[in-house]
Amino acid sequence: MKLTQLVGSCDEGECPTLYLTDRGTLAVQGEYLTEHDLQLPAHEKLVEVPVELIRKAIRDNLI
């Protein structure tokens, strides 16, 4: 899968980032959450990203 960076919190590659995939979907890089009360399927994970990351992507017309 090819990922294109839309917006990120830093340029180091280790910060919350929003990507566009070559499948027309979004991929999110963020802090992996392990303490929550959700029942997620084994193939899914929950990550946390700053709201400002999504706002910036919308403001910049990236999504």
PDB file of N, CA and C in Angstrom:
ATOM      1  N   MET A   1       0.843  -1.172   0.000  1.00  0.00           N
ATOM      2  CA  MET A   1       0.000   0.000   0.000  1.00  0.00           C
ATOM      3  C   MET A   1       0.894   1.244   0.000  1.00  0.00           C
ATOM      4  N   LYS A   2       0.559   2.202  -0.842  1.00  0.00           N
ATOM      5  CA  LYS A   2       1.301   3.462  -0.895  1.00  0.00           C
ATOM      6  C   LYS A   2       0.609   4.479  -0.005  1.00  0.00           C
ATOM      7  N   LEU A   3       1.396   5.165   0.850  1.00  0.00           N
ATOM      8  CA  LEU A   3       0.879   6.201   1.734  1.00  0.00           C
ATOM      9  C   LEU A   3       1.455   7.547   1.339  1.00  0.00           C
ATOM     10  N   THR A   4       0.589   8.559   1.282  1.00  0.00           N
ATOM     11  CA  THR A   4       1.013   9.921   1.012  1.00  0.00           C
ATOM     12  C   THR A   4       0.689  10.761   2.232  1.00  0.00           C
ATOM     13  N   GLN A   5       1.687  11.395   2.815  1.00  0.00           N
ATOM     14  CA  GLN A   5       1.462  12.200   4.011  1.00  0.00           C
ATOM     15  C   GLN A   5       0.642  13.428   3.657  1.00  0.00           C
ATOM     16  N   LEU A   6      -0.464  13.621   4.389  1.00  0.00           N
ATOM     17  CA  LEU A   6      -1.290  14.805   4.193  1.00  0.00           C
ATOM     18  C   LEU A   6      -0.895  15.900   5.171  1.00  0.00           C
ATOM     19  N   VAL A   7      -0.825  15.549   6.438  1.00  0.00           N
ATOM     20  CA  VAL A   7      -0.486  16.512   7.478  1.00  0.00           C
ATOM     21  C   VAL A   7       0.092  15.757   8.662  1.00  0.00           C
ATOM     22  N   GLY A   8       1.075  16.371   9.303  1.00  0.00           N
ATOM     23  CA  GLY A   8       1.689  15.746  10.470  1.00  0.00           C
ATOM     24  C   GLY A   8       2.091  16.793  11.486  1.00  0.00           C
ATOM     25  N   SER A   9       2.364  16.337  12.699  1.00  0.00           N
ATOM     26  CA  SER A   9       2.741  17.252  13.772  1.00  0.00           C
ATOM     27  C   SER A   9       4.220  17.600  13.751  1.00  0.00           C
ATOM     28  N   CYS A  10       5.021  16.816  13.043  1.00  0.00           N
ATOM     29  CA  CYS A  10       6.455  17.105  12.945  1.00  0.00           C
ATOM     30  C   CYS A  10       7.002  16.430  11.687  1.00  0.00           C
ATOM     31  N   ASP A  11       8.243  16.666  11.401  1.00  0.00           N
ATOM     32  CA  ASP A  11       8.863  16.099  10.203  1.00  0.00           C
ATOM     33  C   ASP A  11       9.698  14.863  10.493  1.00  0.00           C
ATOM     34  N   GLU A  12       9.725  14.418  11.729  1.00  0.00           N
ATOM     35  CA  GLU A  12      10.576  13.308  12.138  1.00  0.00           C
ATOM     36  C   GLU A  12      10.005  11.942  11.783  1.00  0.00           C
ATOM     37  N   GLY A  13       8.701  11.854  11.481  1.00  0.00           N
ATOM     38  CA  GLY A  13       8.080  10.576  11.177  1.00  0.00           C
ATOM     39  C   GLY A  13       7.624   9.805  12.394  1.00  0.00           C
ATOM     40  N   GLU A  14       7.808  10.370  13.572  1.00  0.00           N
ATOM     41  CA  GLU A  14       7.397   9.695  14.802  1.00  0.00           C
ATOM     42  C   GLU A  14       6.335  10.493  15.555  1.00  0.00           C
ATOM     43  N   CYS A  15       5.538  11.259  14.841  1.00  0.00           N
ATOM     44  CA  CYS A  15       4.516  12.103  15.445  1.00  0.00           C
ATOM     45  C   CYS A  15       3.164  11.792  14.803  1.00  0.00           C
ATOM     46  N   PRO A  16       2.069  12.232  15.430  1.00  0.00           N
ATOM     47  CA  PRO A  16       0.759  12.014  14.814  1.00  0.00           C
ATOM     48  C   PRO A  16       0.732  12.526  13.384  1.00  0.00           C
ATOM     49  N   THR A  17       0.258  11.682  12.481  1.00  0.00           N
ATOM     50  CA  THR A  17       0.260  12.019  11.054  1.00  0.00           C
ATOM     51  C   THR A  17      -0.985  11.435  10.406  1.00  0.00           C
ATOM     52  N   LEU A  18      -1.498  12.133   9.415  1.00  0.00           N
ATOM     53  CA  LEU A  18      -2.631  11.672   8.629  1.00  0.00           C
ATOM     54  C   LEU A  18      -2.133  11.401   7.214  1.00  0.00           C
ATOM     55  N   TYR A  19      -2.441  10.209   6.693  1.00  0.00           N
ATOM     56  CA  TYR A  19      -1.989   9.789   5.365  1.00  0.00           C
ATOM     57  C   TYR A  19      -3.195   9.466   4.473  1.00  0.00           C
ATOM     58  N   LEU A  20      -3.018   9.654   3.187  1.00  0.00           N
ATOM     59  CA  LEU A  20      -3.960   9.185   2.178  1.00  0.00           C
ATOM     60  C   LEU A  20      -3.370   7.914   1.590  1.00  0.00           C
ATOM     61  N   THR A  21      -4.176   6.868   1.463  1.00  0.00           N
ATOM     62  CA  THR A  21      -3.684   5.618   0.886  1.00  0.00           C
ATOM     63  C   THR A  21      -4.002   5.581  -0.606  1.00  0.00           C
ATOM     64  N   ASP A  22      -3.350   4.690  -1.306  1.00  0.00           N
ATOM     65  CA  ASP A  22      -3.644   4.526  -2.732  1.00  0.00           C
ATOM     66  C   ASP A  22      -4.950   3.772  -2.955  1.00  0.00           C
ATOM     67  N   ARG A  23      -5.644   3.427  -1.868  1.00  0.00           N
ATOM     68  CA  ARG A  23      -6.957   2.779  -1.966  1.00  0.00           C
ATOM     69  C   ARG A  23      -8.088   3.774  -1.745  1.00  0.00           C
ATOM     70  N   GLY A  24      -7.723   5.081  -1.579  1.00  0.00           N
ATOM     71  CA  GLY A  24      -8.738   6.100  -1.361  1.00  0.00           C
ATOM     72  C   GLY A  24      -9.246   6.152   0.067  1.00  0.00           C
ATOM     73  N   THR A  25      -8.443   5.659   1.005  1.00  0.00           N
ATOM     74  CA  THR A  25      -8.799   5.698   2.413  1.00  0.00           C
ATOM     75  C   THR A  25      -7.764   6.522   3.166  1.00  0.00           C
ATOM     76  N   LEU A  26      -8.043   6.773   4.442  1.00  0.00           N
ATOM     77  CA  LEU A  26      -7.103   7.494   5.294  1.00  0.00           C
ATOM     78  C   LEU A  26      -6.453   6.527   6.265  1.00  0.00           C
ATOM     79  N   ALA A  27      -5.191   6.756   6.555  1.00  0.00           N
ATOM     80  CA  ALA A  27      -4.464   6.008   7.582  1.00  0.00           C
ATOM     81  C   ALA A  27      -3.982   7.030   8.611  1.00  0.00           C
ATOM     82  N   VAL A  28      -4.073   6.664   9.875  1.00  0.00           N
ATOM     83  CA  VAL A  28      -3.720   7.579  10.955  1.00  0.00           C
ATOM     84  C   VAL A  28      -2.605   6.979  11.790  1.00  0.00           C
ATOM     85  N   GLN A  29      -1.562   7.773  12.002  1.00  0.00           N
ATOM     86  CA  GLN A  29      -0.474   7.387  12.900  1.00  0.00           C
ATOM     87  C   GLN A  29      -0.661   8.181  14.181  1.00  0.00           C
ATOM     88  N   GLY A  30      -0.733   7.479  15.298  1.00  0.00           N
ATOM     89  CA  GLY A  30      -0.921   8.157  16.573  1.00  0.00           C
ATOM     90  C   GLY A  30      -0.510   7.280  17.729  1.00  0.00           C
ATOM     91  N   GLU A  31      -0.761   7.772  18.899  1.00  0.00           N
ATOM     92  CA  GLU A  31      -0.421   7.053  20.123  1.00  0.00           C
ATOM     93  C   GLU A  31      -1.369   5.862  20.277  1.00  0.00           C
ATOM     94  N   TYR A  32      -0.813   4.674  20.410  1.00  0.00           N
ATOM     95  CA  TYR A  32      -1.582   3.438  20.562  1.00  0.00           C
ATOM     96  C   TYR A  32      -2.243   3.434  21.935  1.00  0.00           C
ATOM     97  N   LEU A  33      -3.563   3.311  21.963  1.00  0.00           N
ATOM     98  CA  LEU A  33      -4.309   3.314  23.218  1.00  0.00           C
ATOM     99  C   LEU A  33      -4.591   1.886  23.669  1.00  0.00           C
ATOM    100  N   THR A  34      -4.224   1.593  24.884  1.00  0.00           N
ATOM    101  CA  THR A  34      -4.479   0.253  25.426  1.00  0.00           C
ATOM    102  C   THR A  34      -5.481   0.279  26.569  1.00  0.00           C
ATOM    103  N   GLU A  35      -5.666   1.437  27.180  1.00  0.00           N
ATOM    104  CA  GLU A  35      -6.593   1.535  28.302  1.00  0.00           C
ATOM    105  C   GLU A  35      -7.886   2.211  27.851  1.00  0.00           C
ATOM    106  N   HIS A  36      -8.851   1.405  27.471  1.00  0.00           N
ATOM    107  CA  HIS A  36     -10.167   1.891  27.066  1.00  0.00           C
ATOM    108  C   HIS A  36     -11.178   0.789  27.332  1.00  0.00           C
ATOM    109  N   ASP A  37     -12.456   1.126  27.214  1.00  0.00           N
ATOM    110  CA  ASP A  37     -13.506   0.149  27.507  1.00  0.00           C
ATOM    111  C   ASP A  37     -14.210  -0.376  26.257  1.00  0.00           C
ATOM    112  N   LEU A  38     -13.578  -0.247  25.106  1.00  0.00           N
ATOM    113  CA  LEU A  38     -14.163  -0.729  23.862  1.00  0.00           C
ATOM    114  C   LEU A  38     -13.816  -2.192  23.615  1.00  0.00           C
ATOM    115  N   GLN A  39     -14.691  -2.877  22.926  1.00  0.00           N
ATOM    116  CA  GLN A  39     -14.456  -4.252  22.495  1.00  0.00           C
ATOM    117  C   GLN A  39     -14.101  -4.211  21.007  1.00  0.00           C
ATOM    118  N   LEU A  40     -12.821  -4.134  20.715  1.00  0.00           N
ATOM    119  CA  LEU A  40     -12.375  -4.048  19.320  1.00  0.00           C
ATOM    120  C   LEU A  40     -12.083  -5.433  18.753  1.00  0.00           C
ATOM    121  N   PRO A  41     -12.368  -5.632  17.472  1.00  0.00           N
ATOM    122  CA  PRO A  41     -11.968  -6.880  16.830  1.00  0.00           C
ATOM    123  C   PRO A  41     -10.444  -7.015  16.874  1.00  0.00           C
ATOM    124  N   ALA A  42      -9.959  -8.216  16.831  1.00  0.00           N
ATOM    125  CA  ALA A  42      -8.522  -8.485  16.943  1.00  0.00           C
ATOM    126  C   ALA A  42      -7.701  -7.776  15.861  1.00  0.00           C
ATOM    127  N   HIS A  43      -8.294  -7.537  14.689  1.00  0.00           N
ATOM    128  CA  HIS A  43      -7.551  -6.921  13.589  1.00  0.00           C
ATOM    129  C   HIS A  43      -7.567  -5.382  13.625  1.00  0.00           C
ATOM    130  N   GLU A  44      -8.204  -4.780  14.646  1.00  0.00           N
ATOM    131  CA  GLU A  44      -8.277  -3.329  14.741  1.00  0.00           C
ATOM    132  C   GLU A  44      -7.533  -2.819  15.965  1.00  0.00           C
ATOM    133  N   LYS A  45      -7.012  -1.602  15.866  1.00  0.00           N
ATOM    134  CA  LYS A  45      -6.323  -0.938  16.964  1.00  0.00           C
ATOM    135  C   LYS A  45      -6.897   0.463  17.105  1.00  0.00           C
ATOM    136  N   LEU A  46      -6.794   1.027  18.273  1.00  0.00           N
ATOM    137  CA  LEU A  46      -7.265   2.373  18.536  1.00  0.00           C
ATOM    138  C   LEU A  46      -6.059   3.282  18.754  1.00  0.00           C
ATOM    139  N   VAL A  47      -6.028   4.404  18.017  1.00  0.00           N
ATOM    140  CA  VAL A  47      -4.941   5.368  18.184  1.00  0.00           C
ATOM    141  C   VAL A  47      -5.535   6.735  18.498  1.00  0.00           C
ATOM    142  N   GLU A  48      -4.714   7.563  19.125  1.00  0.00           N
ATOM    143  CA  GLU A  48      -5.137   8.904  19.519  1.00  0.00           C
ATOM    144  C   GLU A  48      -4.305   9.925  18.754  1.00  0.00           C
ATOM    145  N   VAL A  49      -4.991  10.929  18.190  1.00  0.00           N
ATOM    146  CA  VAL A  49      -4.308  12.021  17.501  1.00  0.00           C
ATOM    147  C   VAL A  49      -4.910  13.340  17.981  1.00  0.00           C
ATOM    148  N   PRO A  50      -4.148  14.420  17.920  1.00  0.00           N
ATOM    149  CA  PRO A  50      -4.682  15.717  18.321  1.00  0.00           C
ATOM    150  C   PRO A  50      -5.798  16.176  17.377  1.00  0.00           C
ATOM    151  N   VAL A  51      -6.833  16.773  17.920  1.00  0.00           N
ATOM    152  CA  VAL A  51      -7.924  17.310  17.113  1.00  0.00           C
ATOM    153  C   VAL A  51      -7.385  18.321  16.102  1.00  0.00           C
ATOM    154  N   GLU A  52      -6.371  19.083  16.495  1.00  0.00           N
ATOM    155  CA  GLU A  52      -5.802  20.100  15.614  1.00  0.00           C
ATOM    156  C   GLU A  52      -5.234  19.488  14.328  1.00  0.00           C
ATOM    157  N   LEU A  53      -4.783  18.243  14.378  1.00  0.00           N
ATOM    158  CA  LEU A  53      -4.281  17.565  13.185  1.00  0.00           C
ATOM    159  C   LEU A  53      -5.396  17.428  12.143  1.00  0.00           C
ATOM    160  N   ILE A  54      -6.574  17.023  12.581  1.00  0.00           N
ATOM    161  CA  ILE A  54      -7.724  16.870  11.681  1.00  0.00           C
ATOM    162  C   ILE A  54      -8.196  18.248  11.204  1.00  0.00           C
ATOM    163  N   ARG A  55      -8.250  19.210  12.116  1.00  0.00           N
ATOM    164  CA  ARG A  55      -8.655  20.573  11.730  1.00  0.00           C
ATOM    165  C   ARG A  55      -7.738  21.140  10.652  1.00  0.00           C
ATOM    166  N   LYS A  56      -6.437  20.930  10.806  1.00  0.00           N
ATOM    167  CA  LYS A  56      -5.475  21.444   9.833  1.00  0.00           C
ATOM    168  C   LYS A  56      -5.681  20.786   8.469  1.00  0.00           C
ATOM    169  N   ALA A  57      -5.931  19.489   8.467  1.00  0.00           N
ATOM    170  CA  ALA A  57      -6.166  18.784   7.210  1.00  0.00           C
ATOM    171  C   ALA A  57      -7.410  19.332   6.505  1.00  0.00           C
ATOM    172  N   ILE A  58      -8.447  19.617   7.266  1.00  0.00           N
ATOM    173  CA  ILE A  58      -9.668  20.172   6.689  1.00  0.00           C
ATOM    174  C   ILE A  58      -9.441  21.609   6.235  1.00  0.00           C
ATOM    175  N   ARG A  59      -8.811  22.403   7.087  1.00  0.00           N
ATOM    176  CA  ARG A  59      -8.533  23.812   6.783  1.00  0.00           C
ATOM    177  C   ARG A  59      -7.696  23.942   5.503  1.00  0.00           C
ATOM    178  N   ASP A  60      -6.743  23.033   5.324  1.00  0.00           N
ATOM    179  CA  ASP A  60      -5.870  23.064   4.151  1.00  0.00           C
ATOM    180  C   ASP A  60      -6.470  22.332   2.951  1.00  0.00           C
ATOM    181  N   ASN A  61      -7.751  21.931   3.063  1.00  0.00           N
ATOM    182  CA  ASN A  61      -8.459  21.226   1.989  1.00  0.00           C
ATOM    183  C   ASN A  61      -7.760  19.951   1.565  1.00  0.00           C
ATOM    184  N   LEU A  62      -7.169  19.238   2.517  1.00  0.00           N
ATOM    185  CA  LEU A  62      -6.484  17.983   2.200  1.00  0.00           C
ATOM    186  C   LEU A  62      -7.435  16.795   2.239  1.00  0.00           C
ATOM    187  N   ILE A  63      -8.533  16.940   2.982  1.00  0.00           N
ATOM    188  CA  ILE A  63      -9.560  15.887   3.020  1.00  0.00           C
ATOM    189  C   ILE A  63     -10.924  16.518   2.876  1.00  0.00           C
TER     190      ILE A  63
END
